[in-house]
Amino acid sequence: MRRALAVAAEAATRGEVPIGAVVVSGELELAACGNTRESEADPCGHAEVNALRLAARRRGHWRLDDATVYVTLEPCAMCTGAMVLARVFRCVFATADPKGGFCGTLGNLAQHPGLNHHFVVDSGVLQVEAAEQLRAFFRSLRSKD
């Protein structure tokens, strides 16, 4: 999770919301990505989607069934859905997202009974640090206005 926080901090330097995602298989880091929505004008440029795409390319296959995704903010419906489709084993997120989280807060696609894949979700890892990183980013935006 510390690696995801570092990636999130780097994304913030590019004007992106500081969210970082790291995909790990065993001890091997397959991908570490931040948000790119602003810099690439891409509504799907979420850290998790970017990391899943890169991890799959590096692996040479879309199935990431032994992978864990570490992410600094609870994944949204799109990102949780992408993890279902990638068949990830586990997602660990730092802080809940009361406005968009779909790994337990607003809904739970990770264990939705109608879907053909489910994955383990753990939360709260470095929650204080991740929440403060986001608060500080938005505080700095407001002070510029």
N, C-alpha and C. Protein backbone atom coordinates (compact mmCIF):
# COMPACT_ATOMS: atom_id res chain seq x y z
N MET A 1 0.83 -1.20 0.00
CA MET A 1 0.00 0.00 0.00
C MET A 1 0.87 1.26 0.00
N ARG A 2 2.02 1.17 0.62
CA ARG A 2 2.91 2.34 0.59
C ARG A 2 3.33 2.67 -0.84
N ARG A 3 3.52 1.67 -1.66
CA ARG A 3 3.86 1.90 -3.07
C ARG A 3 2.68 2.59 -3.78
N ALA A 4 1.46 2.17 -3.50
CA ALA A 4 0.28 2.79 -4.09
C ALA A 4 0.17 4.25 -3.66
N LEU A 5 0.47 4.55 -2.41
CA LEU A 5 0.44 5.93 -1.93
C LEU A 5 1.49 6.78 -2.65
N ALA A 6 2.66 6.21 -2.90
CA ALA A 6 3.70 6.94 -3.63
C ALA A 6 3.27 7.22 -5.07
N VAL A 7 2.65 6.26 -5.69
CA VAL A 7 2.15 6.43 -7.06
C VAL A 7 1.05 7.50 -7.08
N ALA A 8 0.20 7.50 -6.07
CA ALA A 8 -0.86 8.50 -5.96
C ALA A 8 -0.26 9.90 -5.81
N ALA A 9 0.78 10.02 -5.01
CA ALA A 9 1.44 11.32 -4.82
C ALA A 9 2.02 11.83 -6.14
N GLU A 10 2.58 10.93 -6.92
CA GLU A 10 3.14 11.31 -8.23
C GLU A 10 2.02 11.78 -9.15
N ALA A 11 0.87 11.10 -9.12
CA ALA A 11 -0.27 11.50 -9.96
C ALA A 11 -0.72 12.92 -9.59
N ALA A 12 -0.70 13.24 -8.32
CA ALA A 12 -1.11 14.58 -7.88
C ALA A 12 -0.21 15.66 -8.46
N THR A 13 1.05 15.36 -8.67
CA THR A 13 1.96 16.36 -9.25
C THR A 13 1.59 16.68 -10.70
N ARG A 14 0.82 15.79 -11.33
CA ARG A 14 0.35 16.01 -12.70
C ARG A 14 -1.07 16.58 -12.73
N GLY A 15 -1.58 16.96 -11.55
CA GLY A 15 -2.93 17.51 -11.47
C GLY A 15 -4.02 16.47 -11.41
N GLU A 16 -3.65 15.23 -11.22
CA GLU A 16 -4.62 14.14 -11.12
C GLU A 16 -5.04 13.96 -9.66
N VAL A 17 -6.26 13.50 -9.46
CA VAL A 17 -6.68 13.12 -8.11
C VAL A 17 -5.72 12.03 -7.64
N PRO A 18 -5.15 12.16 -6.44
CA PRO A 18 -4.12 11.22 -6.00
C PRO A 18 -4.65 9.86 -5.59
N ILE A 19 -4.81 9.03 -6.58
CA ILE A 19 -5.20 7.63 -6.36
C ILE A 19 -4.16 6.78 -7.06
N GLY A 20 -3.67 5.78 -6.34
CA GLY A 20 -2.67 4.87 -6.90
C GLY A 20 -3.12 3.44 -6.76
N ALA A 21 -2.75 2.64 -7.75
CA ALA A 21 -3.09 1.21 -7.73
C ALA A 21 -1.85 0.41 -8.11
N VAL A 22 -1.64 -0.68 -7.39
CA VAL A 22 -0.52 -1.58 -7.64
C VAL A 22 -1.07 -2.99 -7.75
N VAL A 23 -0.68 -3.69 -8.81
CA VAL A 23 -1.09 -5.09 -9.01
C VAL A 23 0.12 -5.96 -8.72
N VAL A 24 -0.07 -6.92 -7.81
CA VAL A 24 1.01 -7.79 -7.36
C VAL A 24 0.60 -9.24 -7.53
N SER A 25 1.55 -10.05 -7.99
CA SER A 25 1.37 -11.50 -8.06
C SER A 25 2.50 -12.12 -7.28
N GLY A 26 2.18 -12.70 -6.14
CA GLY A 26 3.23 -13.20 -5.25
C GLY A 26 4.08 -12.04 -4.79
N GLU A 27 5.38 -12.09 -5.04
CA GLU A 27 6.29 -11.01 -4.70
C GLU A 27 6.56 -10.08 -5.88
N LEU A 28 5.96 -10.39 -7.04
CA LEU A 28 6.23 -9.65 -8.27
C LEU A 28 5.22 -8.52 -8.48
N GLU A 29 5.73 -7.30 -8.63
CA GLU A 29 4.87 -6.18 -8.98
C GLU A 29 4.64 -6.21 -10.49
N LEU A 30 3.39 -6.37 -10.90
CA LEU A 30 3.05 -6.40 -12.32
C LEU A 30 2.80 -5.01 -12.87
N ALA A 31 2.27 -4.11 -12.03
CA ALA A 31 1.95 -2.76 -12.50
C ALA A 31 1.75 -1.84 -11.31
N ALA A 32 2.06 -0.57 -11.52
CA ALA A 32 1.80 0.49 -10.54
C ALA A 32 1.40 1.72 -11.33
N CYS A 33 0.16 2.17 -11.16
CA CYS A 33 -0.35 3.28 -11.97
C CYS A 33 -1.19 4.22 -11.12
N GLY A 34 -1.23 5.46 -11.58
CA GLY A 34 -2.09 6.46 -10.98
C GLY A 34 -3.21 6.83 -11.94
N ASN A 35 -4.03 7.76 -11.51
CA ASN A 35 -5.09 8.27 -12.36
C ASN A 35 -4.50 9.01 -13.56
N THR A 36 -5.21 8.95 -14.68
CA THR A 36 -4.83 9.70 -15.89
C THR A 36 -6.04 10.36 -16.54
N ARG A 37 -7.10 10.53 -15.79
CA ARG A 37 -8.32 11.12 -16.35
C ARG A 37 -8.08 12.50 -16.90
N GLU A 38 -7.41 13.35 -16.16
CA GLU A 38 -7.16 14.72 -16.59
C GLU A 38 -6.11 14.79 -17.69
N SER A 39 -4.98 14.15 -17.48
CA SER A 39 -3.86 14.26 -18.42
C SER A 39 -4.14 13.61 -19.77
N GLU A 40 -4.99 12.59 -19.78
CA GLU A 40 -5.31 11.91 -21.04
C GLU A 40 -6.75 12.17 -21.49
N ALA A 41 -7.46 13.03 -20.77
CA ALA A 41 -8.87 13.32 -21.09
C ALA A 41 -9.64 12.02 -21.30
N ASP A 42 -9.46 11.11 -20.35
CA ASP A 42 -10.03 9.76 -20.45
C ASP A 42 -10.90 9.46 -19.23
N PRO A 43 -12.21 9.38 -19.42
CA PRO A 43 -13.08 9.09 -18.28
C PRO A 43 -12.81 7.72 -17.65
N CYS A 44 -12.17 6.85 -18.39
CA CYS A 44 -11.84 5.52 -17.85
C CYS A 44 -10.41 5.46 -17.31
N GLY A 45 -9.74 6.59 -17.22
CA GLY A 45 -8.35 6.64 -16.78
C GLY A 45 -8.18 6.54 -15.28
N HIS A 46 -8.88 5.61 -14.67
CA HIS A 46 -8.74 5.39 -13.23
C HIS A 46 -7.48 4.55 -12.98
N ALA A 47 -6.87 4.75 -11.83
CA ALA A 47 -5.64 4.06 -11.47
C ALA A 47 -5.80 2.54 -11.59
N GLU A 48 -6.91 2.00 -11.12
CA GLU A 48 -7.12 0.56 -11.14
C GLU A 48 -7.18 0.01 -12.56
N VAL A 49 -7.94 0.69 -13.42
CA VAL A 49 -8.06 0.23 -14.81
C VAL A 49 -6.70 0.32 -15.50
N ASN A 50 -5.99 1.42 -15.28
CA ASN A 50 -4.65 1.56 -15.87
C ASN A 50 -3.73 0.43 -15.41
N ALA A 51 -3.77 0.12 -14.12
CA ALA A 51 -2.90 -0.93 -13.58
C ALA A 51 -3.30 -2.31 -14.08
N LEU A 52 -4.59 -2.59 -14.17
CA LEU A 52 -5.03 -3.89 -14.68
C LEU A 52 -4.60 -4.06 -16.14
N ARG A 53 -4.76 -3.02 -16.94
CA ARG A 53 -4.36 -3.09 -18.36
C ARG A 53 -2.86 -3.38 -18.48
N LEU A 54 -2.05 -2.63 -17.72
CA LEU A 54 -0.61 -2.82 -17.79
C LEU A 54 -0.20 -4.20 -17.28
N ALA A 55 -0.80 -4.64 -16.19
CA ALA A 55 -0.48 -5.97 -15.63
C ALA A 55 -0.82 -7.07 -16.64
N ALA A 56 -1.96 -6.96 -17.29
CA ALA A 56 -2.36 -7.97 -18.28
C ALA A 56 -1.41 -7.97 -19.47
N ARG A 57 -1.01 -6.77 -19.93
CA ARG A 57 -0.05 -6.70 -21.05
C ARG A 57 1.28 -7.34 -20.65
N ARG A 58 1.74 -7.05 -19.46
CA ARG A 58 3.01 -7.62 -19.01
C ARG A 58 2.93 -9.12 -18.84
N ARG A 59 1.79 -9.59 -18.42
CA ARG A 59 1.60 -11.03 -18.24
C ARG A 59 1.33 -11.72 -19.57
N GLY A 60 0.81 -10.96 -20.52
CA GLY A 60 0.48 -11.56 -21.82
C GLY A 60 -0.85 -12.28 -21.82
N HIS A 61 -1.66 -11.97 -20.82
CA HIS A 61 -2.98 -12.61 -20.71
C HIS A 61 -3.86 -11.75 -19.83
N TRP A 62 -5.15 -11.73 -20.12
CA TRP A 62 -6.09 -10.88 -19.37
C TRP A 62 -6.45 -11.45 -18.00
N ARG A 63 -6.24 -12.73 -17.78
CA ARG A 63 -6.59 -13.32 -16.49
C ARG A 63 -5.51 -13.00 -15.45
N LEU A 64 -5.96 -12.40 -14.36
CA LEU A 64 -5.05 -12.05 -13.27
C LEU A 64 -5.52 -12.75 -11.99
N ASP A 65 -5.81 -14.04 -12.12
CA ASP A 65 -6.49 -14.78 -11.05
C ASP A 65 -5.65 -15.03 -9.81
N ASP A 66 -4.38 -14.75 -9.85
CA ASP A 66 -3.56 -14.88 -8.64
C ASP A 66 -3.11 -13.52 -8.12
N ALA A 67 -3.66 -12.46 -8.69
CA ALA A 67 -3.18 -11.11 -8.38
C ALA A 67 -3.98 -10.44 -7.27
N THR A 68 -3.28 -9.58 -6.55
CA THR A 68 -3.88 -8.70 -5.57
C THR A 68 -3.71 -7.27 -6.07
N VAL A 69 -4.79 -6.49 -6.01
CA VAL A 69 -4.75 -5.09 -6.38
C VAL A 69 -4.79 -4.27 -5.09
N TYR A 70 -3.76 -3.46 -4.89
CA TYR A 70 -3.70 -2.53 -3.77
C TYR A 70 -4.07 -1.16 -4.31
N VAL A 71 -5.04 -0.50 -3.71
CA VAL A 71 -5.49 0.79 -4.20
C VAL A 71 -5.79 1.71 -3.02
N THR A 72 -5.49 2.98 -3.19
CA THR A 72 -5.58 3.93 -2.09
C THR A 72 -7.00 4.36 -1.76
N LEU A 73 -7.92 4.22 -2.71
CA LEU A 73 -9.33 4.58 -2.48
C LEU A 73 -10.20 3.43 -2.95
N GLU A 74 -11.27 3.18 -2.23
CA GLU A 74 -12.19 2.11 -2.60
C GLU A 74 -12.60 2.23 -4.07
N PRO A 75 -12.47 1.15 -4.83
CA PRO A 75 -12.80 1.18 -6.25
C PRO A 75 -14.27 1.49 -6.53
N CYS A 76 -14.48 2.22 -7.63
CA CYS A 76 -15.83 2.54 -8.09
C CYS A 76 -16.43 1.31 -8.80
N ALA A 77 -17.65 1.45 -9.29
CA ALA A 77 -18.32 0.35 -9.98
C ALA A 77 -17.53 -0.09 -11.21
N MET A 78 -17.03 0.87 -11.99
CA MET A 78 -16.27 0.52 -13.20
C MET A 78 -15.02 -0.29 -12.84
N CYS A 79 -14.28 0.19 -11.86
CA CYS A 79 -13.02 -0.47 -11.49
C CYS A 79 -13.26 -1.82 -10.83
N THR A 80 -14.28 -1.90 -10.00
CA THR A 80 -14.62 -3.19 -9.39
C THR A 80 -15.05 -4.17 -10.47
N GLY A 81 -15.84 -3.69 -11.42
CA GLY A 81 -16.25 -4.53 -12.54
C GLY A 81 -15.06 -5.01 -13.35
N ALA A 82 -14.09 -4.14 -13.57
CA ALA A 82 -12.88 -4.54 -14.30
C ALA A 82 -12.11 -5.61 -13.54
N MET A 83 -12.10 -5.51 -12.21
CA MET A 83 -11.42 -6.54 -11.41
C MET A 83 -12.15 -7.87 -11.50
N VAL A 84 -13.48 -7.81 -11.52
CA VAL A 84 -14.26 -9.04 -11.72
C VAL A 84 -13.89 -9.66 -13.06
N LEU A 85 -13.89 -8.84 -14.11
CA LEU A 85 -13.60 -9.34 -15.45
C LEU A 85 -12.17 -9.85 -15.59
N ALA A 86 -11.24 -9.27 -14.84
CA ALA A 86 -9.84 -9.73 -14.87
C ALA A 86 -9.62 -10.94 -13.97
N ARG A 87 -10.64 -11.31 -13.23
CA ARG A 87 -10.60 -12.46 -12.33
C ARG A 87 -9.55 -12.32 -11.23
N VAL A 88 -9.37 -11.08 -10.72
CA VAL A 88 -8.38 -10.91 -9.66
C VAL A 88 -8.75 -11.74 -8.44
N PHE A 89 -7.75 -12.06 -7.67
CA PHE A 89 -7.96 -12.85 -6.45
C PHE A 89 -8.42 -11.98 -5.29
N ARG A 90 -7.83 -10.78 -5.19
CA ARG A 90 -8.05 -9.96 -3.99
C ARG A 90 -7.85 -8.49 -4.31
N CYS A 91 -8.59 -7.65 -3.60
CA CYS A 91 -8.40 -6.20 -3.64
C CYS A 91 -8.24 -5.70 -2.21
N VAL A 92 -7.22 -4.90 -2.00
CA VAL A 92 -6.98 -4.27 -0.71
C VAL A 92 -7.04 -2.76 -0.94
N PHE A 93 -7.98 -2.10 -0.27
CA PHE A 93 -8.03 -0.65 -0.42
C PHE A 93 -7.82 0.03 0.92
N ALA A 94 -7.32 1.27 0.83
CA ALA A 94 -6.97 2.00 2.04
C ALA A 94 -8.18 2.65 2.69
N THR A 95 -8.88 3.50 1.93
CA THR A 95 -9.97 4.27 2.53
C THR A 95 -11.25 4.12 1.72
N ALA A 96 -12.37 4.07 2.40
CA ALA A 96 -13.67 3.92 1.74
C ALA A 96 -14.03 5.17 0.96
N ASP A 97 -14.86 4.99 -0.06
CA ASP A 97 -15.35 6.10 -0.86
C ASP A 97 -16.87 6.18 -0.72
N PRO A 98 -17.35 7.07 0.16
CA PRO A 98 -18.79 7.16 0.40
C PRO A 98 -19.60 7.67 -0.79
N LYS A 99 -18.93 8.23 -1.80
CA LYS A 99 -19.63 8.77 -2.96
C LYS A 99 -19.53 7.88 -4.19
N GLY A 100 -18.69 6.85 -4.15
CA GLY A 100 -18.54 6.04 -5.36
C GLY A 100 -18.04 4.63 -5.14
N GLY A 101 -17.78 4.22 -3.90
CA GLY A 101 -17.18 2.91 -3.65
C GLY A 101 -18.12 1.74 -3.86
N PHE A 102 -17.66 0.76 -4.64
CA PHE A 102 -18.47 -0.42 -4.92
C PHE A 102 -17.81 -1.72 -4.49
N CYS A 103 -17.00 -1.64 -3.44
CA CYS A 103 -16.46 -2.83 -2.80
C CYS A 103 -17.00 -2.93 -1.39
N GLY A 104 -18.23 -2.44 -1.19
CA GLY A 104 -18.86 -2.55 0.10
C GLY A 104 -19.60 -1.31 0.57
N THR A 105 -19.24 -0.13 0.09
CA THR A 105 -19.86 1.09 0.60
C THR A 105 -21.21 1.36 -0.04
N LEU A 106 -21.24 1.64 -1.33
CA LEU A 106 -22.52 1.89 -2.02
C LEU A 106 -23.14 0.61 -2.57
N GLY A 107 -22.34 -0.36 -2.74
CA GLY A 107 -22.73 -1.67 -3.26
C GLY A 107 -21.51 -2.56 -3.17
N ASN A 108 -21.68 -3.82 -3.58
CA ASN A 108 -20.54 -4.73 -3.51
C ASN A 108 -20.52 -5.63 -4.74
N LEU A 109 -19.93 -5.12 -5.82
CA LEU A 109 -19.79 -5.93 -7.02
C LEU A 109 -18.79 -7.06 -6.85
N ALA A 110 -17.88 -6.91 -5.91
CA ALA A 110 -16.85 -7.93 -5.70
C ALA A 110 -17.44 -9.27 -5.27
N GLN A 111 -18.58 -9.24 -4.60
CA GLN A 111 -19.23 -10.47 -4.16
C GLN A 111 -20.68 -10.55 -4.60
N HIS A 112 -21.01 -9.85 -5.68
CA HIS A 112 -22.39 -9.86 -6.17
C HIS A 112 -22.78 -11.28 -6.59
N PRO A 113 -23.91 -11.79 -6.06
CA PRO A 113 -24.28 -13.18 -6.35
C PRO A 113 -24.59 -13.45 -7.82
N GLY A 114 -24.93 -12.43 -8.58
CA GLY A 114 -25.26 -12.65 -9.99
C GLY A 114 -24.06 -12.70 -10.92
N LEU A 115 -22.88 -12.37 -10.41
CA LEU A 115 -21.68 -12.36 -11.25
C LEU A 115 -20.96 -13.70 -11.18
N ASN A 116 -20.20 -13.99 -12.23
CA ASN A 116 -19.54 -15.30 -12.32
C ASN A 116 -18.18 -15.36 -11.62
N HIS A 117 -17.73 -14.26 -11.05
CA HIS A 117 -16.46 -14.27 -10.32
C HIS A 117 -16.60 -13.37 -9.10
N HIS A 118 -15.99 -13.79 -8.02
CA HIS A 118 -15.96 -13.00 -6.78
C HIS A 118 -14.51 -12.92 -6.31
N PHE A 119 -14.19 -11.84 -5.62
CA PHE A 119 -12.85 -11.74 -5.07
C PHE A 119 -12.89 -11.21 -3.64
N VAL A 120 -11.83 -11.49 -2.93
CA VAL A 120 -11.67 -11.09 -1.54
C VAL A 120 -11.43 -9.58 -1.49
N VAL A 121 -12.04 -8.92 -0.52
CA VAL A 121 -11.83 -7.48 -0.31
C VAL A 121 -11.37 -7.25 1.12
N ASP A 122 -10.29 -6.53 1.27
CA ASP A 122 -9.81 -6.09 2.57
C ASP A 122 -9.68 -4.57 2.53
N SER A 123 -9.96 -3.93 3.64
CA SER A 123 -9.92 -2.46 3.65
C SER A 123 -9.27 -1.94 4.92
N GLY A 124 -8.94 -0.65 4.87
CA GLY A 124 -8.41 0.03 6.05
C GLY A 124 -6.91 0.04 6.16
N VAL A 125 -6.20 -0.54 5.20
CA VAL A 125 -4.74 -0.57 5.26
C VAL A 125 -4.20 0.83 4.94
N LEU A 126 -3.53 1.45 5.87
CA LEU A 126 -3.01 2.82 5.76
C LEU A 126 -4.12 3.81 5.44
N GLN A 127 -5.28 3.58 6.03
CA GLN A 127 -6.46 4.41 5.79
C GLN A 127 -6.22 5.88 6.14
N VAL A 128 -5.60 6.13 7.26
CA VAL A 128 -5.38 7.51 7.70
C VAL A 128 -4.51 8.27 6.70
N GLU A 129 -3.42 7.64 6.26
CA GLU A 129 -2.51 8.27 5.31
C GLU A 129 -3.20 8.55 3.97
N ALA A 130 -3.96 7.58 3.48
CA ALA A 130 -4.64 7.73 2.19
C ALA A 130 -5.70 8.82 2.25
N ALA A 131 -6.48 8.83 3.32
CA ALA A 131 -7.53 9.85 3.46
C ALA A 131 -6.92 11.24 3.56
N GLU A 132 -5.82 11.37 4.29
CA GLU A 132 -5.17 12.68 4.42
C GLU A 132 -4.59 13.13 3.09
N GLN A 133 -4.03 12.21 2.33
CA GLN A 133 -3.49 12.55 1.01
C GLN A 133 -4.58 13.14 0.11
N LEU A 134 -5.75 12.54 0.12
CA LEU A 134 -6.87 13.05 -0.67
C LEU A 134 -7.37 14.39 -0.14
N ARG A 135 -7.52 14.49 1.17
CA ARG A 135 -7.98 15.76 1.76
C ARG A 135 -7.02 16.90 1.44
N ALA A 136 -5.73 16.64 1.56
CA ALA A 136 -4.73 17.68 1.28
C ALA A 136 -4.79 18.12 -0.18
N PHE A 137 -4.98 17.18 -1.09
CA PHE A 137 -5.08 17.51 -2.51
C PHE A 137 -6.26 18.44 -2.78
N PHE A 138 -7.43 18.07 -2.26
CA PHE A 138 -8.62 18.89 -2.50
C PHE A 138 -8.56 20.22 -1.76
N ARG A 139 -7.93 20.23 -0.59
CA ARG A 139 -7.71 21.48 0.14
C ARG A 139 -6.86 22.44 -0.69
N SER A 140 -5.80 21.90 -1.32
CA SER A 140 -4.93 22.75 -2.14
C SER A 140 -5.67 23.27 -3.37
N LEU A 141 -6.56 22.48 -3.94
CA LEU A 141 -7.36 22.97 -5.08
C LEU A 141 -8.27 24.10 -4.66
N ARG A 142 -8.91 23.94 -3.52
CA ARG A 142 -9.81 24.99 -3.03
C ARG A 142 -9.06 26.28 -2.71
N SER A 143 -7.84 26.16 -2.21
CA SER A 143 -7.08 27.37 -1.87
C SER A 143 -6.62 28.12 -3.11
N LYS A 144 -6.51 27.44 -4.24
CA LYS A 144 -6.14 28.10 -5.50
C LYS A 144 -7.29 28.90 -6.08
N ASP A 145 -8.52 28.52 -5.72
CA ASP A 145 -9.71 29.20 -6.27
C ASP A 145 -9.97 30.48 -5.59
